[in-house]
């Protein structure tokens, strides 16, 4: 399958990152969001990140302009019709994703592949919403997308070999390495990562040492680039009950969620995006 154009639904941190990665590798991108202000914010974020690369000498000004020229912003799903692959990158909420996927399904070609960037929702369940469920797959990118090398390719029960092969090729074209996994809670990375983060919260709650000492211990003792508590503050967290609620995601692995983690979520201490998590980001 020849992939020349991708659609990205959601111009936030993940969606704009996917758009940037694709445009930088020569793909045309249609970047969709709910209104023009959201689209403009997403494209401005791409512009800012590319400008930093130029300033560091990691990209030429000509390549920067060419990449930006390949991204077309839009607010109507009908604009996705030319896309060979559409990647849904909306907030980690099943109802929202279901609504978006049903709308996309009505408009795009039956030959197009539809993918979700979900990190926790069943690909099999999402695929059931699509007319051509064999052409649905998970493409779980990691934040920040232009920097992180991995894409988890997640197969639902319905995902065809041809669809898997096409997105595997796409990931390579984007300069990413990929791993393949069946649709199961947490896929691979989060299934291993979230229990570790949960245990770090238990250590913190039990007063065995400070948050900084926990993070430094894992960085220096296990060669992790960032400590588990600092990483938790970077990850998307939402109010209790949502699909991105970490206590809910941990329960899917049949381990007890740390009460401190649940209390912090209930208090609205959701990490960097709110200015307070395990650490304070008010400055």
C-alpha atoms as a PDB file:
ATOM      1  CA  UNK A   1       0.000   0.000   0.000  1.00  0.00           C
ATOM      2  CA  UNK A   2       1.364   3.392  -1.007  1.00  0.00           C
ATOM      3  CA  UNK A   3       0.997   5.971   1.773  1.00  0.00           C
ATOM      4  CA  UNK A   4       1.421   9.587   0.700  1.00  0.00           C
ATOM      5  CA  UNK A   5      -1.023  11.461   2.918  1.00  0.00           C
ATOM      6  CA  UNK A   6      -1.975  10.968   6.537  1.00  0.00           C
ATOM      7  CA  UNK A   7      -4.787  12.566   8.484  1.00  0.00           C
ATOM      8  CA  UNK A   8      -4.315  13.349  12.166  1.00  0.00           C
ATOM      9  CA  UNK A   9      -7.386  14.000  14.296  1.00  0.00           C
ATOM     10  CA  UNK A  10      -6.404  16.039  17.330  1.00  0.00           C
ATOM     11  CA  UNK A  11      -3.900  18.901  17.174  1.00  0.00           C
ATOM     12  CA  UNK A  12      -2.746  18.684  20.780  1.00  0.00           C
ATOM     13  CA  UNK A  13       0.646  17.563  22.032  1.00  0.00           C
ATOM     14  CA  UNK A  14       0.458  14.073  20.530  1.00  0.00           C
ATOM     15  CA  UNK A  15      -1.372  14.976  17.326  1.00  0.00           C
ATOM     16  CA  UNK A  16       0.875  17.912  16.470  1.00  0.00           C
ATOM     17  CA  UNK A  17       3.895  15.737  17.246  1.00  0.00           C
ATOM     18  CA  UNK A  18       2.691  13.030  14.860  1.00  0.00           C
ATOM     19  CA  UNK A  19       2.001  15.676  12.217  1.00  0.00           C
ATOM     20  CA  UNK A  20       5.511  17.081  12.623  1.00  0.00           C
ATOM     21  CA  UNK A  21       7.160  13.668  12.407  1.00  0.00           C
ATOM     22  CA  UNK A  22       5.232  12.828   9.242  1.00  0.00           C
ATOM     23  CA  UNK A  23       5.755  16.167   7.510  1.00  0.00           C
ATOM     24  CA  UNK A  24       9.478  16.117   8.291  1.00  0.00           C
ATOM     25  CA  UNK A  25       9.709  12.786   6.440  1.00  0.00           C
ATOM     26  CA  UNK A  26       7.981  14.070   3.319  1.00  0.00           C
ATOM     27  CA  UNK A  27       4.381  13.001   3.956  1.00  0.00           C
ATOM     28  CA  UNK A  28       1.464  15.348   3.381  1.00  0.00           C
ATOM     29  CA  UNK A  29      -0.559  15.871   6.565  1.00  0.00           C
ATOM     30  CA  UNK A  30      -4.145  16.941   7.172  1.00  0.00           C
ATOM     31  CA  UNK A  31      -4.362  18.109  10.794  1.00  0.00           C
ATOM     32  CA  UNK A  32      -7.907  18.226  12.193  1.00  0.00           C
ATOM     33  CA  UNK A  33      -9.315  19.655  15.404  1.00  0.00           C
ATOM     34  CA  UNK A  34     -12.614  21.017  16.723  1.00  0.00           C
ATOM     35  CA  UNK A  35     -12.013  24.653  15.800  1.00  0.00           C
ATOM     36  CA  UNK A  36      -9.573  26.905  13.999  1.00  0.00           C
ATOM     37  CA  UNK A  37      -7.994  28.116  17.235  1.00  0.00           C
ATOM     38  CA  UNK A  38      -7.063  24.544  18.236  1.00  0.00           C
ATOM     39  CA  UNK A  39      -5.641  23.850  14.782  1.00  0.00           C
ATOM     40  CA  UNK A  40      -3.655  27.103  14.837  1.00  0.00           C
ATOM     41  CA  UNK A  41      -2.260  26.226  18.271  1.00  0.00           C
ATOM     42  CA  UNK A  42      -1.165  22.812  17.008  1.00  0.00           C
ATOM     43  CA  UNK A  43       0.535  24.150  13.886  1.00  0.00           C
ATOM     44  CA  UNK A  44       2.188  26.908  15.930  1.00  0.00           C
ATOM     45  CA  UNK A  45       3.618  24.235  18.232  1.00  0.00           C
ATOM     46  CA  UNK A  46       5.080  22.437  15.210  1.00  0.00           C
ATOM     47  CA  UNK A  47       6.519  25.710  13.917  1.00  0.00           C
ATOM     48  CA  UNK A  48       8.128  26.423  17.292  1.00  0.00           C
ATOM     49  CA  UNK A  49       9.702  22.963  17.593  1.00  0.00           C
ATOM     50  CA  UNK A  50      11.055  23.056  14.050  1.00  0.00           C
ATOM     51  CA  UNK A  51      12.469  26.544  14.626  1.00  0.00           C
ATOM     52  CA  UNK A  52      14.400  25.202  17.613  1.00  0.00           C
ATOM     53  CA  UNK A  53      15.865  22.458  15.426  1.00  0.00           C
ATOM     54  CA  UNK A  54      16.985  25.071  12.903  1.00  0.00           C
ATOM     55  CA  UNK A  55      18.514  27.176  15.673  1.00  0.00           C
ATOM     56  CA  UNK A  56      20.479  24.127  16.855  1.00  0.00           C
ATOM     57  CA  UNK A  57      21.681  23.373  13.349  1.00  0.00           C
ATOM     58  CA  UNK A  58      19.750  20.089  13.244  1.00  0.00           C
ATOM     59  CA  UNK A  59      17.537  21.170  10.328  1.00  0.00           C
ATOM     60  CA  UNK A  60      17.917  23.651   7.505  1.00  0.00           C
ATOM     61  CA  UNK A  61      15.571  26.596   7.094  1.00  0.00           C
ATOM     62  CA  UNK A  62      14.540  25.192   3.714  1.00  0.00           C
ATOM     63  CA  UNK A  63      13.596  21.831   5.237  1.00  0.00           C
ATOM     64  CA  UNK A  64      11.690  23.630   7.984  1.00  0.00           C
ATOM     65  CA  UNK A  65       9.645  25.571   5.435  1.00  0.00           C
ATOM     66  CA  UNK A  66       9.024  22.439   3.367  1.00  0.00           C
ATOM     67  CA  UNK A  67       7.786  20.498   6.412  1.00  0.00           C
ATOM     68  CA  UNK A  68       5.430  23.278   7.476  1.00  0.00           C
ATOM     69  CA  UNK A  69       4.145  23.523   3.917  1.00  0.00           C
ATOM     70  CA  UNK A  70       3.108  19.872   4.004  1.00  0.00           C
ATOM     71  CA  UNK A  71       0.751  20.387   6.965  1.00  0.00           C
ATOM     72  CA  UNK A  72      -2.743  21.573   6.143  1.00  0.00           C
ATOM     73  CA  UNK A  73      -5.040  22.445   9.022  1.00  0.00           C
ATOM     74  CA  UNK A  74      -8.790  21.847   8.842  1.00  0.00           C
ATOM     75  CA  UNK A  75     -11.863  21.538  11.049  1.00  0.00           C
ATOM     76  CA  UNK A  76     -14.101  19.411   8.812  1.00  0.00           C
ATOM     77  CA  UNK A  77     -13.748  15.626   8.754  1.00  0.00           C
ATOM     78  CA  UNK A  78     -14.614  15.698   5.048  1.00  0.00           C
ATOM     79  CA  UNK A  79     -11.128  17.103   4.478  1.00  0.00           C
ATOM     80  CA  UNK A  80      -9.751  13.691   5.493  1.00  0.00           C
ATOM     81  CA  UNK A  81     -10.975  12.033   2.287  1.00  0.00           C
ATOM     82  CA  UNK A  82      -7.571  12.149   0.508  1.00  0.00           C
ATOM     83  CA  UNK A  83      -5.786  10.510   3.464  1.00  0.00           C
ATOM     84  CA  UNK A  84      -4.374   7.009   3.074  1.00  0.00           C
ATOM     85  CA  UNK A  85      -4.026   6.603   6.847  1.00  0.00           C
ATOM     86  CA  UNK A  86      -6.006   8.487   9.504  1.00  0.00           C
ATOM     87  CA  UNK A  87      -4.580   8.551  13.030  1.00  0.00           C
ATOM     88  CA  UNK A  88      -6.973   9.481  15.822  1.00  0.00           C
ATOM     89  CA  UNK A  89      -5.017  11.291  18.542  1.00  0.00           C
ATOM     90  CA  UNK A  90      -7.766  12.691  20.746  1.00  0.00           C
ATOM     91  CA  UNK A  91      -7.940  12.725  24.539  1.00  0.00           C
ATOM     92  CA  UNK A  92      -7.794   9.298  26.197  1.00  0.00           C
ATOM     93  CA  UNK A  93     -11.560   8.921  26.603  1.00  0.00           C
ATOM     94  CA  UNK A  94     -13.503   6.040  25.047  1.00  0.00           C
ATOM     95  CA  UNK A  95     -16.720   7.956  24.365  1.00  0.00           C
ATOM     96  CA  UNK A  96     -14.875  10.785  22.631  1.00  0.00           C
ATOM     97  CA  UNK A  97     -12.791   8.407  20.541  1.00  0.00           C
ATOM     98  CA  UNK A  98     -15.888   6.382  19.627  1.00  0.00           C
ATOM     99  CA  UNK A  99     -17.675   9.523  18.443  1.00  0.00           C
ATOM    100  CA  UNK A 100     -14.704  10.578  16.308  1.00  0.00           C
ATOM    101  CA  UNK A 101     -14.179   7.138  14.789  1.00  0.00           C
ATOM    102  CA  UNK A 102     -17.835   6.768  13.828  1.00  0.00           C
ATOM    103  CA  UNK A 103     -17.716  10.142  12.066  1.00  0.00           C
ATOM    104  CA  UNK A 104     -14.491   9.277  10.259  1.00  0.00           C
ATOM    105  CA  UNK A 105     -15.845   5.906   9.179  1.00  0.00           C
ATOM    106  CA  UNK A 106     -18.713   7.524   7.290  1.00  0.00           C
ATOM    107  CA  UNK A 107     -16.443   9.761   5.243  1.00  0.00           C
ATOM    108  CA  UNK A 108     -13.207   8.025   4.331  1.00  0.00           C
ATOM    109  CA  UNK A 109     -12.517   5.453   1.666  1.00  0.00           C
ATOM    110  CA  UNK A 110     -12.932   1.792   2.520  1.00  0.00           C
ATOM    111  CA  UNK A 111      -9.309   1.422   1.443  1.00  0.00           C
ATOM    112  CA  UNK A 112      -8.023   3.843   4.071  1.00  0.00           C
ATOM    113  CA  UNK A 113      -6.443   2.582   7.266  1.00  0.00           C
ATOM    114  CA  UNK A 114      -7.756   4.069  10.503  1.00  0.00           C
ATOM    115  CA  UNK A 115      -5.486   3.990  13.545  1.00  0.00           C
ATOM    116  CA  UNK A 116      -5.790   5.117  17.144  1.00  0.00           C
ATOM    117  CA  UNK A 117      -2.973   6.543  19.240  1.00  0.00           C
ATOM    118  CA  UNK A 118      -4.620   5.223  22.418  1.00  0.00           C
ATOM    119  CA  UNK A 119      -2.345   4.041  25.209  1.00  0.00           C
ATOM    120  CA  UNK A 120      -4.941   2.087  27.144  1.00  0.00           C
ATOM    121  CA  UNK A 121      -8.224   1.467  25.307  1.00  0.00           C
ATOM    122  CA  UNK A 122      -8.905  -1.887  23.634  1.00  0.00           C
ATOM    123  CA  UNK A 123      -8.139  -1.794  19.915  1.00  0.00           C
ATOM    124  CA  UNK A 124     -10.552  -4.692  19.386  1.00  0.00           C
ATOM    125  CA  UNK A 125     -13.328  -2.664  21.014  1.00  0.00           C
ATOM    126  CA  UNK A 126     -12.550   0.443  18.957  1.00  0.00           C
ATOM    127  CA  UNK A 127     -12.276  -1.614  15.754  1.00  0.00           C
ATOM    128  CA  UNK A 128     -15.832  -2.860  16.248  1.00  0.00           C
ATOM    129  CA  UNK A 129     -17.019   0.699  15.556  1.00  0.00           C
ATOM    130  CA  UNK A 130     -15.480   0.701  12.067  1.00  0.00           C
ATOM    131  CA  UNK A 131     -17.155  -0.692   8.937  1.00  0.00           C
ATOM    132  CA  UNK A 132     -13.890  -2.171   7.689  1.00  0.00           C
ATOM    133  CA  UNK A 133     -12.615  -3.329  11.070  1.00  0.00           C
ATOM    134  CA  UNK A 134      -9.808  -5.298   9.410  1.00  0.00           C
ATOM    135  CA  UNK A 135      -8.297  -1.931   8.449  1.00  0.00           C
ATOM    136  CA  UNK A 136      -8.184  -0.646  12.028  1.00  0.00           C
ATOM    137  CA  UNK A 137      -5.045  -0.779  14.183  1.00  0.00           C
ATOM    138  CA  UNK A 138      -3.361   0.874  17.131  1.00  0.00           C
ATOM    139  CA  UNK A 139      -0.354   3.134  16.597  1.00  0.00           C
ATOM    140  CA  UNK A 140       0.777   4.152  20.070  1.00  0.00           C
ATOM    141  CA  UNK A 141       3.335   6.935  19.785  1.00  0.00           C
ATOM    142  CA  UNK A 142       5.265   8.226  22.781  1.00  0.00           C
ATOM    143  CA  UNK A 143       5.677  11.799  23.961  1.00  0.00           C
ATOM    144  CA  UNK A 144       7.446  13.817  22.616  1.00  0.00           C
ATOM    145  CA  UNK A 145       6.676  12.149  19.292  1.00  0.00           C
ATOM    146  CA  UNK A 146       9.433  13.801  17.212  1.00  0.00           C
ATOM    147  CA  UNK A 147      12.056  12.593  19.718  1.00  0.00           C
ATOM    148  CA  UNK A 148      10.856   9.219  21.019  1.00  0.00           C
ATOM    149  CA  UNK A 149      11.904   6.318  18.807  1.00  0.00           C
ATOM    150  CA  UNK A 150       9.168   3.803  19.579  1.00  0.00           C
ATOM    151  CA  UNK A 151       5.739   3.075  18.123  1.00  0.00           C
ATOM    152  CA  UNK A 152       3.689   0.233  19.569  1.00  0.00           C
ATOM    153  CA  UNK A 153       1.654  -1.365  16.778  1.00  0.00           C
ATOM    154  CA  UNK A 154      -1.383  -2.899  18.432  1.00  0.00           C
ATOM    155  CA  UNK A 155      -3.440  -5.538  16.662  1.00  0.00           C
ATOM    156  CA  UNK A 156      -7.093  -6.034  17.494  1.00  0.00           C
ATOM    157  CA  UNK A 157      -8.680  -9.384  16.789  1.00  0.00           C
ATOM    158  CA  UNK A 158      -9.943  -7.942  13.496  1.00  0.00           C
ATOM    159  CA  UNK A 159      -6.703  -6.302  12.269  1.00  0.00           C
ATOM    160  CA  UNK A 160      -5.508  -7.852   9.003  1.00  0.00           C
ATOM    161  CA  UNK A 161      -1.935  -8.801   8.177  1.00  0.00           C
ATOM    162  CA  UNK A 162      -1.977  -6.278   5.339  1.00  0.00           C
ATOM    163  CA  UNK A 163      -2.992  -3.457   7.689  1.00  0.00           C
ATOM    164  CA  UNK A 164      -0.302  -4.417  10.173  1.00  0.00           C
ATOM    165  CA  UNK A 165       2.337  -4.550   7.442  1.00  0.00           C
ATOM    166  CA  UNK A 166       1.303  -1.146   6.077  1.00  0.00           C
ATOM    167  CA  UNK A 167       1.572   0.667   9.408  1.00  0.00           C
ATOM    168  CA  UNK A 168       4.815  -1.131  10.205  1.00  0.00           C
ATOM    169  CA  UNK A 169       6.210   0.307   6.967  1.00  0.00           C
ATOM    170  CA  UNK A 170       4.774   3.710   7.849  1.00  0.00           C
ATOM    171  CA  UNK A 171       6.455   3.651  11.262  1.00  0.00           C
ATOM    172  CA  UNK A 172       9.793   2.912   9.602  1.00  0.00           C
ATOM    173  CA  UNK A 173       9.256   5.744   7.135  1.00  0.00           C
ATOM    174  CA  UNK A 174       8.642   8.065  10.090  1.00  0.00           C
ATOM    175  CA  UNK A 175      12.050   7.090  11.422  1.00  0.00           C
ATOM    176  CA  UNK A 176      10.597   5.019  14.262  1.00  0.00           C
ATOM    177  CA  UNK A 177      11.279   1.529  15.535  1.00  0.00           C
ATOM    178  CA  UNK A 178       8.161  -0.532  16.165  1.00  0.00           C
ATOM    179  CA  UNK A 179       7.107  -3.440  18.303  1.00  0.00           C
ATOM    180  CA  UNK A 180       3.930  -5.435  17.715  1.00  0.00           C
ATOM    181  CA  UNK A 181       1.540  -6.539  20.429  1.00  0.00           C
ATOM    182  CA  UNK A 182      -1.963  -7.903  20.764  1.00  0.00           C
ATOM    183  CA  UNK A 183      -4.675  -5.706  22.220  1.00  0.00           C
ATOM    184  CA  UNK A 184      -4.420  -6.200  25.981  1.00  0.00           C
ATOM    185  CA  UNK A 185      -4.461  -3.793  28.965  1.00  0.00           C
ATOM    186  CA  UNK A 186      -1.405  -1.554  28.869  1.00  0.00           C
ATOM    187  CA  UNK A 187      -0.078  -3.165  25.687  1.00  0.00           C
ATOM    188  CA  UNK A 188       3.661  -3.664  26.416  1.00  0.00           C
ATOM    189  CA  UNK A 189       5.258  -0.477  27.694  1.00  0.00           C
ATOM    190  CA  UNK A 190       2.498   0.701  30.018  1.00  0.00           C
ATOM    191  CA  UNK A 191       1.874  -2.811  31.286  1.00  0.00           C
ATOM    192  CA  UNK A 192       5.439  -2.836  32.605  1.00  0.00           C
ATOM    193  CA  UNK A 193       5.717   0.876  33.391  1.00  0.00           C
ATOM    194  CA  UNK A 194       2.519   1.613  35.332  1.00  0.00           C
ATOM    195  CA  UNK A 195       3.031  -1.025  38.040  1.00  0.00           C
ATOM    196  CA  UNK A 196       6.530   0.384  38.583  1.00  0.00           C
ATOM    197  CA  UNK A 197       5.153   3.916  38.929  1.00  0.00           C
ATOM    198  CA  UNK A 198       2.431   2.626  41.255  1.00  0.00           C
ATOM    199  CA  UNK A 199       5.068   0.983  43.457  1.00  0.00           C
ATOM    200  CA  UNK A 200       7.052   4.235  43.553  1.00  0.00           C
ATOM    201  CA  UNK A 201       3.949   5.940  44.968  1.00  0.00           C
ATOM    202  CA  UNK A 202       3.691   3.222  47.637  1.00  0.00           C
ATOM    203  CA  UNK A 203       7.322   3.861  48.627  1.00  0.00           C
ATOM    204  CA  UNK A 204       6.616   7.599  48.802  1.00  0.00           C
ATOM    205  CA  UNK A 205       3.383   7.115  50.795  1.00  0.00           C
ATOM    206  CA  UNK A 206       5.090   4.852  53.309  1.00  0.00           C
ATOM    207  CA  UNK A 207       7.680   7.553  53.999  1.00  0.00           C
ATOM    208  CA  UNK A 208      10.664   5.391  53.227  1.00  0.00           C
ATOM    209  CA  UNK A 209      12.390   8.268  51.448  1.00  0.00           C
ATOM    210  CA  UNK A 210      11.625  11.436  49.483  1.00  0.00           C
ATOM    211  CA  UNK A 211      10.277  11.734  45.964  1.00  0.00           C
ATOM    212  CA  UNK A 212      13.594  13.108  44.774  1.00  0.00           C
ATOM    213  CA  UNK A 213      15.516  10.196  46.318  1.00  0.00           C
ATOM    214  CA  UNK A 214      13.183   7.668  44.663  1.00  0.00           C
ATOM    215  CA  UNK A 215      13.688   9.288  41.268  1.00  0.00           C
ATOM    216  CA  UNK A 216      17.442   9.633  41.703  1.00  0.00           C
ATOM    217  CA  UNK A 217      17.681   6.010  42.804  1.00  0.00           C
ATOM    218  CA  UNK A 218      15.973   4.734  39.667  1.00  0.00           C
ATOM    219  CA  UNK A 219      17.949   7.067  37.412  1.00  0.00           C
ATOM    220  CA  UNK A 220      21.337   6.179  38.847  1.00  0.00           C
ATOM    221  CA  UNK A 221      20.678   2.595  39.882  1.00  0.00           C
ATOM    222  CA  UNK A 222      18.681   1.422  36.853  1.00  0.00           C
ATOM    223  CA  UNK A 223      19.939   3.901  34.244  1.00  0.00           C
ATOM    224  CA  UNK A 224      16.461   5.313  33.653  1.00  0.00           C
ATOM    225  CA  UNK A 225      16.577   8.726  31.931  1.00  0.00           C
ATOM    226  CA  UNK A 226      13.847  10.053  34.233  1.00  0.00           C
ATOM    227  CA  UNK A 227      12.564   8.929  37.615  1.00  0.00           C
ATOM    228  CA  UNK A 228       9.145   7.218  37.918  1.00  0.00           C
ATOM    229  CA  UNK A 229       7.518  10.008  39.928  1.00  0.00           C
ATOM    230  CA  UNK A 230       8.743  12.767  37.615  1.00  0.00           C
ATOM    231  CA  UNK A 231       7.531  10.644  34.716  1.00  0.00           C
ATOM    232  CA  UNK A 232       4.132  10.269  36.374  1.00  0.00           C
ATOM    233  CA  UNK A 233       3.887  14.060  36.477  1.00  0.00           C
ATOM    234  CA  UNK A 234       4.586  14.208  32.739  1.00  0.00           C
ATOM    235  CA  UNK A 235       1.986  11.582  31.827  1.00  0.00           C
ATOM    236  CA  UNK A 236      -1.620  12.475  31.077  1.00  0.00           C
ATOM    237  CA  UNK A 237      -3.774  12.077  34.177  1.00  0.00           C
ATOM    238  CA  UNK A 238      -7.474  12.819  34.380  1.00  0.00           C
ATOM    239  CA  UNK A 239     -10.154  12.941  37.105  1.00  0.00           C
ATOM    240  CA  UNK A 240     -11.155   9.602  38.687  1.00  0.00           C
ATOM    241  CA  UNK A 241     -13.037   7.155  36.498  1.00  0.00           C
ATOM    242  CA  UNK A 242     -11.812   8.286  33.076  1.00  0.00           C
ATOM    243  CA  UNK A 243      -9.910   5.952  30.800  1.00  0.00           C
ATOM    244  CA  UNK A 244      -6.676   7.815  31.575  1.00  0.00           C
ATOM    245  CA  UNK A 245      -7.236   7.686  35.348  1.00  0.00           C
ATOM    246  CA  UNK A 246      -4.011   5.948  36.447  1.00  0.00           C
ATOM    247  CA  UNK A 247      -5.695   4.184  39.371  1.00  0.00           C
ATOM    248  CA  UNK A 248      -8.199   2.666  36.935  1.00  0.00           C
ATOM    249  CA  UNK A 249      -5.456   1.644  34.517  1.00  0.00           C
ATOM    250  CA  UNK A 250      -3.486   0.020  37.326  1.00  0.00           C
ATOM    251  CA  UNK A 251      -6.554  -1.956  38.436  1.00  0.00           C
ATOM    252  CA  UNK A 252      -6.731  -3.475  34.947  1.00  0.00           C
ATOM    253  CA  UNK A 253      -3.491  -5.267  35.806  1.00  0.00           C
ATOM    254  CA  UNK A 254      -5.147  -6.684  38.967  1.00  0.00           C
ATOM    255  CA  UNK A 255      -2.797  -4.895  41.343  1.00  0.00           C
ATOM    256  CA  UNK A 256      -3.918  -2.484  44.077  1.00  0.00           C
ATOM    257  CA  UNK A 257      -3.644   1.157  43.096  1.00  0.00           C
ATOM    258  CA  UNK A 258      -1.687   3.170  45.644  1.00  0.00           C
ATOM    259  CA  UNK A 259      -4.121   5.215  47.795  1.00  0.00           C
ATOM    260  CA  UNK A 260      -1.794   8.231  47.580  1.00  0.00           C
ATOM    261  CA  UNK A 261      -1.992   8.159  43.782  1.00  0.00           C
ATOM    262  CA  UNK A 262      -5.803   8.042  43.907  1.00  0.00           C
ATOM    263  CA  UNK A 263      -5.887  10.865  46.453  1.00  0.00           C
ATOM    264  CA  UNK A 264      -3.653  13.065  44.298  1.00  0.00           C
ATOM    265  CA  UNK A 265      -5.857  12.491  41.261  1.00  0.00           C
ATOM    266  CA  UNK A 266      -8.978  13.272  43.327  1.00  0.00           C
ATOM    267  CA  UNK A 267      -7.322  16.488  44.566  1.00  0.00           C
ATOM    268  CA  UNK A 268      -6.584  17.596  41.025  1.00  0.00           C
ATOM    269  CA  UNK A 269      -2.827  17.222  41.400  1.00  0.00           C
ATOM    270  CA  UNK A 270      -2.482  15.966  37.854  1.00  0.00           C
ATOM    271  CA  UNK A 271       1.134  16.808  37.154  1.00  0.00           C
ATOM    272  CA  UNK A 272       2.773  19.350  34.911  1.00  0.00           C
ATOM    273  CA  UNK A 273      -0.404  20.328  33.078  1.00  0.00           C
ATOM    274  CA  UNK A 274      -1.979  21.605  36.324  1.00  0.00           C
ATOM    275  CA  UNK A 275       1.194  22.988  37.868  1.00  0.00           C
ATOM    276  CA  UNK A 276       1.194  20.451  40.684  1.00  0.00           C
ATOM    277  CA  UNK A 277       1.765  16.733  40.944  1.00  0.00           C
ATOM    278  CA  UNK A 278       4.352  14.930  43.005  1.00  0.00           C
ATOM    279  CA  UNK A 279       6.432  18.055  42.393  1.00  0.00           C
ATOM    280  CA  UNK A 280       5.391  21.692  42.073  1.00  0.00           C
ATOM    281  CA  UNK A 281       5.606  23.387  38.678  1.00  0.00           C
ATOM    282  CA  UNK A 282       4.209  26.780  39.656  1.00  0.00           C
ATOM    283  CA  UNK A 283       7.393  28.522  38.502  1.00  0.00           C
END
